[in-house]
Amino acid sequence: MPRGDGTGPAGKGPGTGRGRGGRGQGTGMGMGRLGGPQAGGAVGFCICPDCGTRQPHERGIPCYEKQCPNCGKAMIRE
């Protein structure tokens, strides 16, 4: 820190600023907090945890908001 006032480096030259991808510094191009392809989305199924009934997942409607057509319990994501 120049002058010790908490402003940090001027940002000129290599290795300054953000986005270098070093330890603890992401580049902003990662897989995301849910891990990429296995994260929830438009594809997949909602499953009843009690009776095992499966229904296709509807985009924009979380599975836990759906009720099982057989037993009425809240469904979960497969």
Protein backbone atom coordinates (compact mmCIF):
# COMPACT_ATOMS: atom_id res chain seq x y z
CA MET A 1 0.00 0.00 0.00
CA PRO A 2 1.54 3.24 -1.00
CA ARG A 3 1.53 5.86 1.73
CA GLY A 4 -0.22 3.36 4.07
CA ASP A 5 -3.65 4.89 3.50
CA GLY A 6 -5.39 1.69 2.35
CA THR A 7 -5.70 2.68 -1.31
CA GLY A 8 -3.57 -0.20 -2.63
CA PRO A 9 -1.44 -0.27 -5.80
CA ALA A 10 -1.96 2.14 -8.65
CA GLY A 11 -2.93 -0.76 -10.96
CA LYS A 12 -0.18 -0.35 -13.52
CA GLY A 13 1.97 -3.23 -14.69
CA PRO A 14 1.58 -7.01 -14.45
CA GLY A 15 0.31 -8.63 -11.28
CA THR A 16 -1.68 -5.69 -9.99
CA GLY A 17 -5.39 -5.39 -9.58
CA ARG A 18 -7.87 -8.27 -9.88
CA GLY A 19 -8.37 -11.20 -12.17
CA ARG A 20 -4.91 -12.73 -12.29
CA GLY A 21 -6.27 -16.10 -11.17
CA GLY A 22 -3.88 -16.49 -8.28
CA ARG A 23 -4.64 -18.17 -5.03
CA GLY A 24 -7.98 -16.94 -3.74
CA GLN A 25 -8.46 -14.65 -6.73
CA GLY A 26 -10.95 -15.98 -9.24
CA THR A 27 -10.97 -14.87 -12.83
CA GLY A 28 -14.75 -14.60 -12.89
CA MET A 29 -15.04 -17.49 -15.34
CA GLY A 30 -15.63 -20.37 -12.91
CA MET A 31 -18.35 -22.97 -12.78
CA GLY A 32 -20.46 -21.03 -10.26
CA ARG A 33 -21.53 -21.85 -6.77
CA LEU A 34 -23.67 -24.84 -7.76
CA GLY A 35 -20.99 -26.49 -9.84
CA GLY A 36 -22.09 -26.01 -13.43
CA PRO A 37 -23.86 -28.70 -15.47
CA GLN A 38 -25.31 -30.64 -12.54
CA ALA A 39 -27.01 -27.52 -11.19
CA GLY A 40 -30.80 -27.23 -11.42
CA GLY A 41 -32.34 -25.99 -14.64
CA ALA A 42 -35.07 -26.75 -17.13
CA VAL A 43 -34.18 -30.43 -17.52
CA GLY A 44 -34.64 -33.18 -14.95
CA PHE A 45 -37.38 -34.51 -12.74
CA CYS A 46 -39.18 -33.78 -9.50
CA ILE A 47 -39.55 -36.81 -7.23
CA CYS A 48 -41.81 -37.53 -4.28
CA PRO A 49 -39.63 -38.55 -1.32
CA ASP A 50 -42.42 -40.77 0.08
CA CYS A 51 -43.87 -42.74 -2.84
CA GLY A 52 -41.22 -42.14 -5.55
CA THR A 53 -43.53 -40.60 -8.17
CA ARG A 54 -41.54 -38.74 -10.85
CA GLN A 55 -42.72 -35.75 -12.87
CA PRO A 56 -40.78 -33.64 -15.39
CA HIS A 57 -39.38 -30.47 -13.85
CA GLU A 58 -41.06 -27.28 -15.06
CA ARG A 59 -38.81 -24.32 -15.62
CA GLY A 60 -39.42 -21.51 -13.14
CA ILE A 61 -41.31 -23.69 -10.65
CA PRO A 62 -39.18 -25.19 -7.86
CA CYS A 63 -39.91 -28.85 -7.18
CA TYR A 64 -40.56 -28.16 -3.49
CA GLU A 65 -43.55 -26.00 -4.52
CA LYS A 66 -45.19 -28.93 -6.36
CA GLN A 67 -47.33 -31.52 -4.61
CA CYS A 68 -47.23 -35.21 -5.45
CA PRO A 69 -50.36 -36.17 -7.42
CA ASN A 70 -50.53 -39.53 -5.57
CA CYS A 71 -49.93 -38.68 -1.92
CA GLY A 72 -49.91 -34.87 -1.71
CA LYS A 73 -46.40 -34.51 -0.21
CA ALA A 74 -44.00 -31.79 -1.37
CA MET A 75 -41.71 -33.02 -4.12
CA ILE A 76 -37.91 -32.64 -4.32
CA ARG A 77 -35.45 -32.26 -7.19
CA GLU A 78 -33.96 -35.47 -8.56
